[in-house]
Amino acid sequence: MPTVFSHIAAPLALRLGLGKQTVSSRLLTAGLLASVLPDLDVLAFRLGIPYADSFGHRGASHSLALAVLMGLYASLAARHLHSTRGLAFVFVAISAASHGVLDMLTNGGHGVALWWPASSERFFLPWQVIEASPLSIRRVFGPKGAEVLLSELLWVWLPCLLGGFTLLMARLVYGRTTSLKHRNA
């Protein structure tokens, strides 16, 4: 899995691209939480639930079904998030789903139960380019952690930054084009 530091890259990139006017600070916070919450499943180890179990690490909590549920919850809280229901749903669901997708790009673990509850089968993407983060906090801050963070800079943060800036530029260009059309009308 990528570290908790990198799971927040996707919602941050979306906020950069969509802007503060579209993604409120509260909605961003909900997206950030949704992007890291799936890893609470590491508590399953303490409860004796095996890694490969549907409720083990990278199981149900990493599924698209749970991402949709988080999005639905956000849509119900849209007013509190200073957002529309549709935007709250999409932003939080994408933020949550990004967690499983990033984990599918790592080179460790048992894969992600993306389609749970329809299937407990676990998947990786064909490109497993991100170094898997150790599950031990002590090892995250050791030499292995440095290797993981460098990998995440290249394979998570750089693409998210490029995507966020591309979305920002598209929004700015579209805004200017729309403004010019209204002036000329």
N, C-alpha and C. Protein backbone atom coordinates (compact mmCIF):
# COMPACT_ATOMS: atom_id res chain seq x y z
N MET A 1 0.84 -1.18 0.00
CA MET A 1 0.00 0.00 0.00
C MET A 1 0.88 1.23 0.00
N PRO A 2 0.45 2.30 -0.63
CA PRO A 2 1.14 3.56 -0.45
C PRO A 2 0.95 4.03 1.00
N THR A 3 1.80 4.92 1.43
CA THR A 3 1.66 5.45 2.79
C THR A 3 0.43 6.34 2.88
N VAL A 4 0.00 6.61 4.10
CA VAL A 4 -1.15 7.48 4.33
C VAL A 4 -0.86 8.87 3.74
N PHE A 5 0.42 9.23 3.68
CA PHE A 5 0.80 10.53 3.13
C PHE A 5 0.45 10.65 1.65
N SER A 6 0.51 9.54 0.93
CA SER A 6 0.25 9.60 -0.51
C SER A 6 -1.18 9.31 -0.89
N HIS A 7 -1.94 8.67 -0.03
CA HIS A 7 -3.35 8.43 -0.37
C HIS A 7 -4.13 9.74 -0.46
N ILE A 8 -3.63 10.80 0.14
CA ILE A 8 -4.33 12.08 0.08
C ILE A 8 -4.05 12.86 -1.20
N ALA A 9 -3.15 12.36 -2.04
CA ALA A 9 -2.76 13.08 -3.25
C ALA A 9 -3.92 13.28 -4.22
N ALA A 10 -4.76 12.26 -4.38
CA ALA A 10 -5.86 12.37 -5.36
C ALA A 10 -6.87 13.46 -4.99
N PRO A 11 -7.40 13.49 -3.75
CA PRO A 11 -8.33 14.58 -3.44
C PRO A 11 -7.66 15.96 -3.47
N LEU A 12 -6.39 16.04 -3.10
CA LEU A 12 -5.70 17.32 -3.18
C LEU A 12 -5.57 17.78 -4.64
N ALA A 13 -5.27 16.84 -5.53
CA ALA A 13 -5.15 17.18 -6.95
C ALA A 13 -6.49 17.62 -7.53
N LEU A 14 -7.56 16.94 -7.12
CA LEU A 14 -8.90 17.34 -7.59
C LEU A 14 -9.25 18.74 -7.10
N ARG A 15 -8.93 19.03 -5.85
CA ARG A 15 -9.20 20.37 -5.31
C ARG A 15 -8.40 21.42 -6.08
N LEU A 16 -7.13 21.13 -6.36
CA LEU A 16 -6.30 22.05 -7.13
C LEU A 16 -6.95 22.32 -8.49
N GLY A 17 -7.38 21.26 -9.15
CA GLY A 17 -7.95 21.40 -10.48
C GLY A 17 -9.32 22.05 -10.52
N LEU A 18 -10.15 21.73 -9.54
CA LEU A 18 -11.52 22.25 -9.53
C LEU A 18 -11.64 23.60 -8.83
N GLY A 19 -10.72 23.89 -7.94
CA GLY A 19 -10.71 25.19 -7.27
C GLY A 19 -11.48 25.21 -5.97
N LYS A 20 -11.14 26.20 -5.13
CA LYS A 20 -11.77 26.36 -3.82
C LYS A 20 -13.24 26.71 -3.93
N GLN A 21 -13.62 27.39 -5.00
CA GLN A 21 -15.01 27.77 -5.17
C GLN A 21 -15.89 26.55 -5.37
N THR A 22 -15.33 25.51 -5.97
CA THR A 22 -16.09 24.29 -6.25
C THR A 22 -15.97 23.29 -5.11
N VAL A 23 -14.76 23.09 -4.62
CA VAL A 23 -14.51 22.11 -3.56
C VAL A 23 -14.19 22.89 -2.28
N SER A 24 -15.19 22.99 -1.42
CA SER A 24 -15.02 23.73 -0.16
C SER A 24 -13.99 23.03 0.73
N SER A 25 -13.51 23.73 1.72
CA SER A 25 -12.56 23.14 2.67
C SER A 25 -13.18 21.94 3.38
N ARG A 26 -14.45 22.03 3.70
CA ARG A 26 -15.12 20.90 4.36
C ARG A 26 -15.23 19.69 3.44
N LEU A 27 -15.56 19.93 2.18
CA LEU A 27 -15.64 18.83 1.23
C LEU A 27 -14.25 18.23 1.01
N LEU A 28 -13.24 19.07 0.93
CA LEU A 28 -11.88 18.56 0.80
C LEU A 28 -11.53 17.67 2.00
N THR A 29 -11.87 18.12 3.19
CA THR A 29 -11.59 17.32 4.40
C THR A 29 -12.29 15.96 4.32
N ALA A 30 -13.54 15.95 3.86
CA ALA A 30 -14.27 14.69 3.70
C ALA A 30 -13.57 13.79 2.68
N GLY A 31 -13.09 14.38 1.59
CA GLY A 31 -12.37 13.61 0.58
C GLY A 31 -11.05 13.06 1.11
N LEU A 32 -10.34 13.87 1.89
CA LEU A 32 -9.08 13.42 2.48
C LEU A 32 -9.33 12.24 3.41
N LEU A 33 -10.37 12.36 4.24
CA LEU A 33 -10.70 11.25 5.15
C LEU A 33 -11.09 10.00 4.37
N ALA A 34 -11.90 10.18 3.34
CA ALA A 34 -12.33 9.03 2.53
C ALA A 34 -11.15 8.35 1.85
N SER A 35 -10.12 9.12 1.54
CA SER A 35 -8.96 8.54 0.85
C SER A 35 -8.06 7.73 1.77
N VAL A 36 -8.15 7.94 3.08
CA VAL A 36 -7.29 7.20 4.01
C VAL A 36 -8.06 6.18 4.86
N LEU A 37 -9.37 6.36 5.02
CA LEU A 37 -10.16 5.47 5.87
C LEU A 37 -10.07 3.98 5.51
N PRO A 38 -9.95 3.61 4.23
CA PRO A 38 -9.88 2.18 3.94
C PRO A 38 -8.77 1.44 4.70
N ASP A 39 -7.70 2.14 5.04
CA ASP A 39 -6.61 1.46 5.74
C ASP A 39 -6.87 1.23 7.22
N LEU A 40 -8.03 1.63 7.72
CA LEU A 40 -8.38 1.25 9.08
C LEU A 40 -8.54 -0.27 9.18
N ASP A 41 -8.63 -0.92 8.03
CA ASP A 41 -8.76 -2.37 8.03
C ASP A 41 -7.51 -3.08 8.56
N VAL A 42 -6.41 -2.36 8.76
CA VAL A 42 -5.24 -3.00 9.36
C VAL A 42 -5.55 -3.43 10.79
N LEU A 43 -6.61 -2.86 11.38
CA LEU A 43 -7.04 -3.29 12.71
C LEU A 43 -7.50 -4.75 12.69
N ALA A 44 -7.84 -5.24 11.51
CA ALA A 44 -8.25 -6.64 11.38
C ALA A 44 -7.16 -7.59 11.86
N PHE A 45 -5.90 -7.21 11.64
CA PHE A 45 -4.79 -8.05 12.11
C PHE A 45 -4.87 -8.24 13.62
N ARG A 46 -5.17 -7.16 14.33
CA ARG A 46 -5.27 -7.22 15.80
C ARG A 46 -6.47 -8.05 16.25
N LEU A 47 -7.48 -8.13 15.39
CA LEU A 47 -8.69 -8.89 15.72
C LEU A 47 -8.59 -10.34 15.26
N GLY A 48 -7.45 -10.71 14.70
CA GLY A 48 -7.24 -12.09 14.25
C GLY A 48 -7.87 -12.40 12.91
N ILE A 49 -8.27 -11.39 12.16
CA ILE A 49 -8.85 -11.60 10.83
C ILE A 49 -7.71 -11.71 9.83
N PRO A 50 -7.63 -12.81 9.10
CA PRO A 50 -6.52 -13.00 8.16
C PRO A 50 -6.53 -11.96 7.04
N TYR A 51 -5.34 -11.65 6.55
CA TYR A 51 -5.15 -10.69 5.46
C TYR A 51 -6.08 -11.01 4.29
N ALA A 52 -6.12 -12.27 3.88
CA ALA A 52 -6.87 -12.67 2.68
C ALA A 52 -8.37 -12.75 2.88
N ASP A 53 -8.86 -12.58 4.10
CA ASP A 53 -10.29 -12.60 4.38
C ASP A 53 -10.97 -11.40 3.71
N SER A 54 -12.25 -11.51 3.41
CA SER A 54 -12.99 -10.39 2.81
C SER A 54 -12.92 -9.13 3.66
N PHE A 55 -12.79 -9.30 4.98
CA PHE A 55 -12.70 -8.14 5.86
C PHE A 55 -11.28 -7.92 6.37
N GLY A 56 -10.32 -8.60 5.74
CA GLY A 56 -8.91 -8.38 6.04
C GLY A 56 -8.40 -7.17 5.28
N HIS A 57 -7.09 -6.95 5.39
CA HIS A 57 -6.47 -5.79 4.75
C HIS A 57 -6.65 -5.85 3.23
N ARG A 58 -7.05 -4.72 2.67
CA ARG A 58 -7.32 -4.55 1.23
C ARG A 58 -8.54 -5.35 0.77
N GLY A 59 -9.41 -5.66 1.68
CA GLY A 59 -10.63 -6.38 1.34
C GLY A 59 -11.79 -5.42 1.11
N ALA A 60 -12.89 -5.65 1.79
CA ALA A 60 -14.13 -4.89 1.59
C ALA A 60 -13.93 -3.38 1.71
N SER A 61 -13.08 -2.96 2.62
CA SER A 61 -12.89 -1.52 2.83
C SER A 61 -12.25 -0.83 1.62
N HIS A 62 -11.65 -1.60 0.74
CA HIS A 62 -10.99 -1.04 -0.45
C HIS A 62 -11.85 -1.18 -1.71
N SER A 63 -13.08 -1.63 -1.56
CA SER A 63 -13.94 -1.91 -2.70
C SER A 63 -14.61 -0.65 -3.24
N LEU A 64 -15.06 -0.76 -4.48
CA LEU A 64 -15.82 0.34 -5.08
C LEU A 64 -17.17 0.49 -4.37
N ALA A 65 -17.70 -0.61 -3.85
CA ALA A 65 -18.97 -0.54 -3.12
C ALA A 65 -18.85 0.38 -1.91
N LEU A 66 -17.76 0.25 -1.17
CA LEU A 66 -17.58 1.11 -0.01
C LEU A 66 -17.33 2.56 -0.44
N ALA A 67 -16.63 2.75 -1.56
CA ALA A 67 -16.41 4.10 -2.07
C ALA A 67 -17.75 4.76 -2.41
N VAL A 68 -18.64 3.99 -3.02
CA VAL A 68 -19.98 4.51 -3.35
C VAL A 68 -20.75 4.83 -2.07
N LEU A 69 -20.66 3.96 -1.06
CA LEU A 69 -21.34 4.24 0.21
C LEU A 69 -20.81 5.51 0.87
N MET A 70 -19.50 5.71 0.82
CA MET A 70 -18.94 6.95 1.37
C MET A 70 -19.45 8.15 0.59
N GLY A 71 -19.54 8.01 -0.73
CA GLY A 71 -20.07 9.08 -1.56
C GLY A 71 -21.52 9.38 -1.23
N LEU A 72 -22.32 8.33 -1.03
CA LEU A 72 -23.72 8.53 -0.66
C LEU A 72 -23.84 9.24 0.69
N TYR A 73 -23.02 8.84 1.64
CA TYR A 73 -23.04 9.50 2.94
C TYR A 73 -22.69 10.98 2.79
N ALA A 74 -21.68 11.27 1.96
CA ALA A 74 -21.29 12.67 1.73
C ALA A 74 -22.43 13.45 1.06
N SER A 75 -23.16 12.80 0.15
CA SER A 75 -24.27 13.50 -0.51
C SER A 75 -25.36 13.86 0.50
N LEU A 76 -25.54 13.00 1.51
CA LEU A 76 -26.52 13.30 2.56
C LEU A 76 -26.05 14.45 3.45
N ALA A 77 -24.74 14.61 3.54
CA ALA A 77 -24.16 15.67 4.38
C ALA A 77 -23.74 16.88 3.54
N ALA A 78 -24.23 16.96 2.30
CA ALA A 78 -23.77 17.99 1.36
C ALA A 78 -23.91 19.40 1.92
N ARG A 79 -25.01 19.70 2.55
CA ARG A 79 -25.21 21.05 3.09
C ARG A 79 -24.11 21.38 4.10
N HIS A 80 -23.80 20.44 4.98
CA HIS A 80 -22.75 20.62 5.99
C HIS A 80 -21.37 20.75 5.33
N LEU A 81 -21.21 20.10 4.18
CA LEU A 81 -19.93 20.14 3.45
C LEU A 81 -19.83 21.36 2.53
N HIS A 82 -20.86 22.21 2.55
CA HIS A 82 -20.93 23.39 1.68
C HIS A 82 -20.77 22.99 0.21
N SER A 83 -21.62 22.05 -0.19
CA SER A 83 -21.53 21.49 -1.53
C SER A 83 -22.91 21.09 -2.01
N THR A 84 -22.98 20.75 -3.28
CA THR A 84 -24.20 20.15 -3.81
C THR A 84 -24.15 18.65 -3.54
N ARG A 85 -25.28 18.01 -3.57
CA ARG A 85 -25.31 16.56 -3.33
C ARG A 85 -24.48 15.81 -4.38
N GLY A 86 -24.65 16.18 -5.63
CA GLY A 86 -23.94 15.49 -6.71
C GLY A 86 -22.42 15.64 -6.59
N LEU A 87 -21.97 16.85 -6.35
CA LEU A 87 -20.54 17.08 -6.23
C LEU A 87 -19.97 16.36 -5.00
N ALA A 88 -20.67 16.43 -3.88
CA ALA A 88 -20.21 15.75 -2.66
C ALA A 88 -20.09 14.26 -2.91
N PHE A 89 -21.09 13.68 -3.58
CA PHE A 89 -21.05 12.24 -3.88
C PHE A 89 -19.84 11.91 -4.74
N VAL A 90 -19.70 12.60 -5.86
CA VAL A 90 -18.62 12.29 -6.82
C VAL A 90 -17.25 12.52 -6.20
N PHE A 91 -17.06 13.66 -5.53
CA PHE A 91 -15.74 13.98 -4.98
C PHE A 91 -15.32 12.95 -3.93
N VAL A 92 -16.21 12.62 -3.01
CA VAL A 92 -15.86 11.69 -1.93
C VAL A 92 -15.74 10.26 -2.48
N ALA A 93 -16.60 9.86 -3.39
CA ALA A 93 -16.51 8.51 -3.96
C ALA A 93 -15.20 8.34 -4.73
N ILE A 94 -14.82 9.32 -5.53
CA ILE A 94 -13.55 9.23 -6.26
C ILE A 94 -12.38 9.22 -5.29
N SER A 95 -12.44 10.06 -4.26
CA SER A 95 -11.37 10.09 -3.26
C SER A 95 -11.21 8.72 -2.60
N ALA A 96 -12.32 8.09 -2.24
CA ALA A 96 -12.26 6.77 -1.59
C ALA A 96 -11.79 5.71 -2.58
N ALA A 97 -12.31 5.74 -3.80
CA ALA A 97 -11.93 4.75 -4.81
C ALA A 97 -10.45 4.86 -5.18
N SER A 98 -9.90 6.06 -5.09
CA SER A 98 -8.49 6.24 -5.43
C SER A 98 -7.60 5.41 -4.52
N HIS A 99 -8.05 5.15 -3.30
CA HIS A 99 -7.24 4.37 -2.36
C HIS A 99 -6.99 2.96 -2.91
N GLY A 100 -8.06 2.29 -3.30
CA GLY A 100 -7.91 0.94 -3.84
C GLY A 100 -7.10 0.92 -5.12
N VAL A 101 -7.33 1.90 -5.98
CA VAL A 101 -6.60 1.96 -7.25
C VAL A 101 -5.10 2.13 -6.99
N LEU A 102 -4.74 3.01 -6.07
CA LEU A 102 -3.32 3.18 -5.75
C LEU A 102 -2.73 1.89 -5.17
N ASP A 103 -3.49 1.22 -4.32
CA ASP A 103 -2.99 -0.04 -3.76
C ASP A 103 -2.82 -1.10 -4.85
N MET A 104 -3.62 -1.04 -5.88
CA MET A 104 -3.50 -1.99 -6.98
C MET A 104 -2.25 -1.74 -7.82
N LEU A 105 -1.64 -0.58 -7.63
CA LEU A 105 -0.41 -0.25 -8.35
C LEU A 105 0.85 -0.61 -7.57
N THR A 106 0.69 -1.17 -6.36
CA THR A 106 1.85 -1.51 -5.55
C THR A 106 2.37 -2.90 -5.90
N ASN A 107 3.60 -3.14 -5.47
CA ASN A 107 4.24 -4.42 -5.77
C ASN A 107 4.22 -5.38 -4.58
N GLY A 108 3.26 -5.22 -3.69
CA GLY A 108 3.20 -6.11 -2.52
C GLY A 108 1.77 -6.38 -2.10
N GLY A 109 1.63 -7.35 -1.22
CA GLY A 109 0.32 -7.67 -0.69
C GLY A 109 -0.41 -8.71 -1.51
N HIS A 110 -1.70 -8.81 -1.28
CA HIS A 110 -2.54 -9.83 -1.91
C HIS A 110 -3.50 -9.25 -2.94
N GLY A 111 -3.32 -8.01 -3.34
CA GLY A 111 -4.25 -7.39 -4.26
C GLY A 111 -5.41 -6.74 -3.53
N VAL A 112 -6.36 -6.20 -4.28
CA VAL A 112 -7.48 -5.43 -3.73
C VAL A 112 -8.79 -6.09 -4.15
N ALA A 113 -9.70 -6.23 -3.18
CA ALA A 113 -11.04 -6.79 -3.45
C ALA A 113 -11.94 -5.70 -4.01
N LEU A 114 -11.59 -5.23 -5.19
CA LEU A 114 -12.25 -4.09 -5.82
C LEU A 114 -13.75 -4.30 -6.01
N TRP A 115 -14.16 -5.50 -6.36
CA TRP A 115 -15.56 -5.77 -6.71
C TRP A 115 -16.35 -6.39 -5.56
N TRP A 116 -15.80 -6.40 -4.33
CA TRP A 116 -16.55 -6.90 -3.19
C TRP A 116 -17.83 -6.08 -3.05
N PRO A 117 -18.98 -6.60 -2.76
CA PRO A 117 -19.32 -7.96 -2.32
C PRO A 117 -19.63 -8.93 -3.45
N ALA A 118 -19.63 -8.45 -4.69
CA ALA A 118 -19.94 -9.36 -5.80
C ALA A 118 -18.86 -10.43 -5.94
N SER A 119 -17.63 -10.08 -5.61
CA SER A 119 -16.53 -11.04 -5.70
C SER A 119 -15.49 -10.69 -4.64
N SER A 120 -14.94 -11.71 -4.02
CA SER A 120 -13.87 -11.51 -3.05
C SER A 120 -12.50 -11.62 -3.70
N GLU A 121 -12.49 -11.87 -5.02
CA GLU A 121 -11.22 -11.97 -5.74
C GLU A 121 -10.46 -10.65 -5.63
N ARG A 122 -9.16 -10.77 -5.49
CA ARG A 122 -8.31 -9.59 -5.34
C ARG A 122 -7.52 -9.34 -6.62
N PHE A 123 -7.33 -8.06 -6.91
CA PHE A 123 -6.70 -7.67 -8.17
C PHE A 123 -5.55 -6.71 -7.96
N PHE A 124 -4.62 -6.76 -8.90
CA PHE A 124 -3.58 -5.75 -9.08
C PHE A 124 -3.77 -5.20 -10.48
N LEU A 125 -3.28 -4.01 -10.72
CA LEU A 125 -3.24 -3.49 -12.07
C LEU A 125 -2.00 -4.09 -12.76
N PRO A 126 -1.97 -4.08 -14.08
CA PRO A 126 -0.81 -4.66 -14.78
C PRO A 126 0.51 -3.96 -14.44
N TRP A 127 0.44 -2.71 -14.03
CA TRP A 127 1.65 -1.96 -13.70
C TRP A 127 1.76 -1.83 -12.20
N GLN A 128 2.63 -2.59 -11.61
CA GLN A 128 2.82 -2.55 -10.16
C GLN A 128 4.11 -1.77 -9.89
N VAL A 129 4.02 -0.46 -10.03
CA VAL A 129 5.20 0.41 -10.02
C VAL A 129 5.49 1.05 -8.67
N ILE A 130 4.52 1.05 -7.76
CA ILE A 130 4.70 1.71 -6.46
C ILE A 130 5.25 0.69 -5.46
N GLU A 131 6.32 1.06 -4.78
CA GLU A 131 6.85 0.22 -3.72
C GLU A 131 5.82 0.11 -2.61
N ALA A 132 5.53 -1.11 -2.18
CA ALA A 132 4.56 -1.31 -1.11
C ALA A 132 5.14 -0.82 0.21
N SER A 133 4.33 -0.10 0.95
CA SER A 133 4.75 0.43 2.25
C SER A 133 4.75 -0.68 3.28
N PRO A 134 5.73 -0.68 4.16
CA PRO A 134 5.70 -1.67 5.25
C PRO A 134 4.52 -1.39 6.17
N LEU A 135 3.99 -2.43 6.78
CA LEU A 135 2.87 -2.26 7.70
C LEU A 135 3.32 -1.83 9.08
N SER A 136 4.60 -1.84 9.33
CA SER A 136 5.16 -1.44 10.62
C SER A 136 5.55 0.04 10.58
N ILE A 137 5.07 0.81 11.56
CA ILE A 137 5.40 2.23 11.64
C ILE A 137 6.92 2.42 11.72
N ARG A 138 7.58 1.57 12.49
CA ARG A 138 9.04 1.68 12.65
C ARG A 138 9.74 1.53 11.30
N ARG A 139 9.27 0.59 10.47
CA ARG A 139 9.91 0.38 9.16
C ARG A 139 9.55 1.49 8.17
N VAL A 140 8.38 2.13 8.34
CA VAL A 140 8.02 3.25 7.46
C VAL A 140 9.01 4.39 7.61
N PHE A 141 9.53 4.58 8.82
CA PHE A 141 10.48 5.67 9.06
C PHE A 141 11.93 5.21 8.99
N GLY A 142 12.16 4.05 8.39
CA GLY A 142 13.51 3.53 8.20
C GLY A 142 13.90 3.58 6.73
N PRO A 143 14.96 2.85 6.36
CA PRO A 143 15.43 2.84 4.96
C PRO A 143 14.37 2.39 3.96
N LYS A 144 13.55 1.39 4.32
CA LYS A 144 12.49 0.92 3.42
C LYS A 144 11.46 2.03 3.20
N GLY A 145 11.16 2.79 4.25
CA GLY A 145 10.21 3.90 4.12
C GLY A 145 10.71 4.97 3.16
N ALA A 146 12.00 5.24 3.20
CA ALA A 146 12.58 6.24 2.27
C ALA A 146 12.43 5.77 0.83
N GLU A 147 12.64 4.47 0.60
CA GLU A 147 12.48 3.89 -0.73
C GLU A 147 11.02 4.02 -1.19
N VAL A 148 10.09 3.75 -0.28
CA VAL A 148 8.67 3.85 -0.59
C VAL A 148 8.29 5.29 -0.92
N LEU A 149 8.73 6.24 -0.11
CA LEU A 149 8.39 7.65 -0.34
C LEU A 149 8.93 8.16 -1.67
N LEU A 150 10.14 7.75 -2.04
CA LEU A 150 10.68 8.14 -3.36
C LEU A 150 9.83 7.56 -4.48
N SER A 151 9.41 6.31 -4.32
CA SER A 151 8.54 5.68 -5.30
C SER A 151 7.21 6.43 -5.41
N GLU A 152 6.66 6.82 -4.26
CA GLU A 152 5.39 7.54 -4.25
C GLU A 152 5.51 8.93 -4.87
N LEU A 153 6.63 9.58 -4.66
CA LEU A 153 6.84 10.89 -5.30
C LEU A 153 6.74 10.76 -6.81
N LEU A 154 7.37 9.72 -7.34
CA LEU A 154 7.39 9.51 -8.78
C LEU A 154 6.06 9.00 -9.33
N TRP A 155 5.44 8.03 -8.66
CA TRP A 155 4.29 7.34 -9.23
C TRP A 155 2.94 7.79 -8.69
N VAL A 156 2.91 8.60 -7.63
CA VAL A 156 1.64 9.09 -7.09
C VAL A 156 1.59 10.62 -7.16
N TRP A 157 2.53 11.26 -6.48
CA TRP A 157 2.47 12.72 -6.38
C TRP A 157 2.69 13.42 -7.71
N LEU A 158 3.67 13.00 -8.49
CA LEU A 158 3.92 13.65 -9.78
C LEU A 158 2.73 13.51 -10.72
N PRO A 159 2.17 12.30 -10.93
CA PRO A 159 0.98 12.21 -11.78
C PRO A 159 -0.22 13.00 -11.25
N CYS A 160 -0.42 12.99 -9.93
CA CYS A 160 -1.54 13.74 -9.36
C CYS A 160 -1.34 15.24 -9.55
N LEU A 161 -0.11 15.69 -9.36
CA LEU A 161 0.19 17.10 -9.56
C LEU A 161 -0.02 17.50 -11.02
N LEU A 162 0.44 16.68 -11.93
CA LEU A 162 0.23 16.95 -13.35
C LEU A 162 -1.26 16.94 -13.71
N GLY A 163 -1.99 15.97 -13.16
CA GLY A 163 -3.43 15.91 -13.41
C GLY A 163 -4.16 17.11 -12.83
N GLY A 164 -3.79 17.50 -11.61
CA GLY A 164 -4.41 18.67 -10.98
C GLY A 164 -4.15 19.95 -11.77
N PHE A 165 -2.90 20.13 -12.20
CA PHE A 165 -2.56 21.33 -12.98
C PHE A 165 -3.24 21.30 -14.35
N THR A 166 -3.34 20.13 -14.95
CA THR A 166 -4.04 20.03 -16.24
C THR A 166 -5.50 20.41 -16.09
N LEU A 167 -6.14 19.92 -15.05
CA LEU A 167 -7.54 20.27 -14.78
C LEU A 167 -7.68 21.76 -14.49
N LEU A 168 -6.75 22.31 -13.73
CA LEU A 168 -6.75 23.75 -13.43
C LEU A 168 -6.61 24.55 -14.71
N MET A 169 -5.67 24.20 -15.57
CA MET A 169 -5.48 24.93 -16.82
C MET A 169 -6.72 24.82 -17.71
N ALA A 170 -7.30 23.64 -17.78
CA ALA A 170 -8.52 23.46 -18.59
C ALA A 170 -9.64 24.33 -18.05
N ARG A 171 -9.76 24.39 -16.73
CA ARG A 171 -10.81 25.22 -16.11
C ARG A 171 -10.57 26.69 -16.41
N LEU A 172 -9.31 27.13 -16.31
CA LEU A 172 -9.00 28.54 -16.57
C LEU A 172 -9.22 28.90 -18.04
N VAL A 173 -8.78 28.02 -18.95
CA VAL A 173 -8.96 28.27 -20.38
C VAL A 173 -10.44 28.26 -20.73
N TYR A 174 -11.19 27.29 -20.19
CA TYR A 174 -12.62 27.22 -20.46
C TYR A 174 -13.32 28.47 -19.91
N GLY A 175 -12.91 28.90 -18.74
CA GLY A 175 -13.51 30.10 -18.14
C GLY A 175 -13.26 31.34 -18.99
N ARG A 176 -12.05 31.46 -19.49
CA ARG A 176 -11.73 32.61 -20.36
C ARG A 176 -12.50 32.54 -21.66
N THR A 177 -12.58 31.35 -22.24
CA THR A 177 -13.31 31.18 -23.50
C THR A 177 -14.78 31.52 -23.31
N THR A 178 -15.35 31.05 -22.22
CA THR A 178 -16.76 31.32 -21.93
C THR A 178 -16.98 32.81 -21.70
N SER A 179 -16.05 33.47 -20.99
CA SER A 179 -16.17 34.90 -20.74
C SER A 179 -16.11 35.69 -22.05
N LEU A 180 -15.23 35.29 -22.95
CA LEU A 180 -15.09 35.98 -24.24
C LEU A 180 -16.35 35.80 -25.07
N LYS A 181 -16.95 34.60 -25.04
CA LYS A 181 -18.18 34.35 -25.80
C LYS A 181 -19.32 35.23 -25.28
N HIS A 182 -19.40 35.39 -23.96
CA HIS A 182 -20.47 36.21 -23.37
C HIS A 182 -20.26 37.68 -23.70
N ARG A 183 -19.02 38.14 -23.72
CA ARG A 183 -18.74 39.54 -24.08
C ARG A 183 -19.07 39.83 -25.52
N ASN A 184 -18.79 38.86 -26.41
CA ASN A 184 -19.01 39.06 -27.84
C ASN A 184 -20.47 38.83 -28.23
N ALA A 185 -21.27 38.29 -27.34
CA ALA A 185 -22.66 37.98 -27.69
C ALA A 185 -23.53 39.23 -27.66
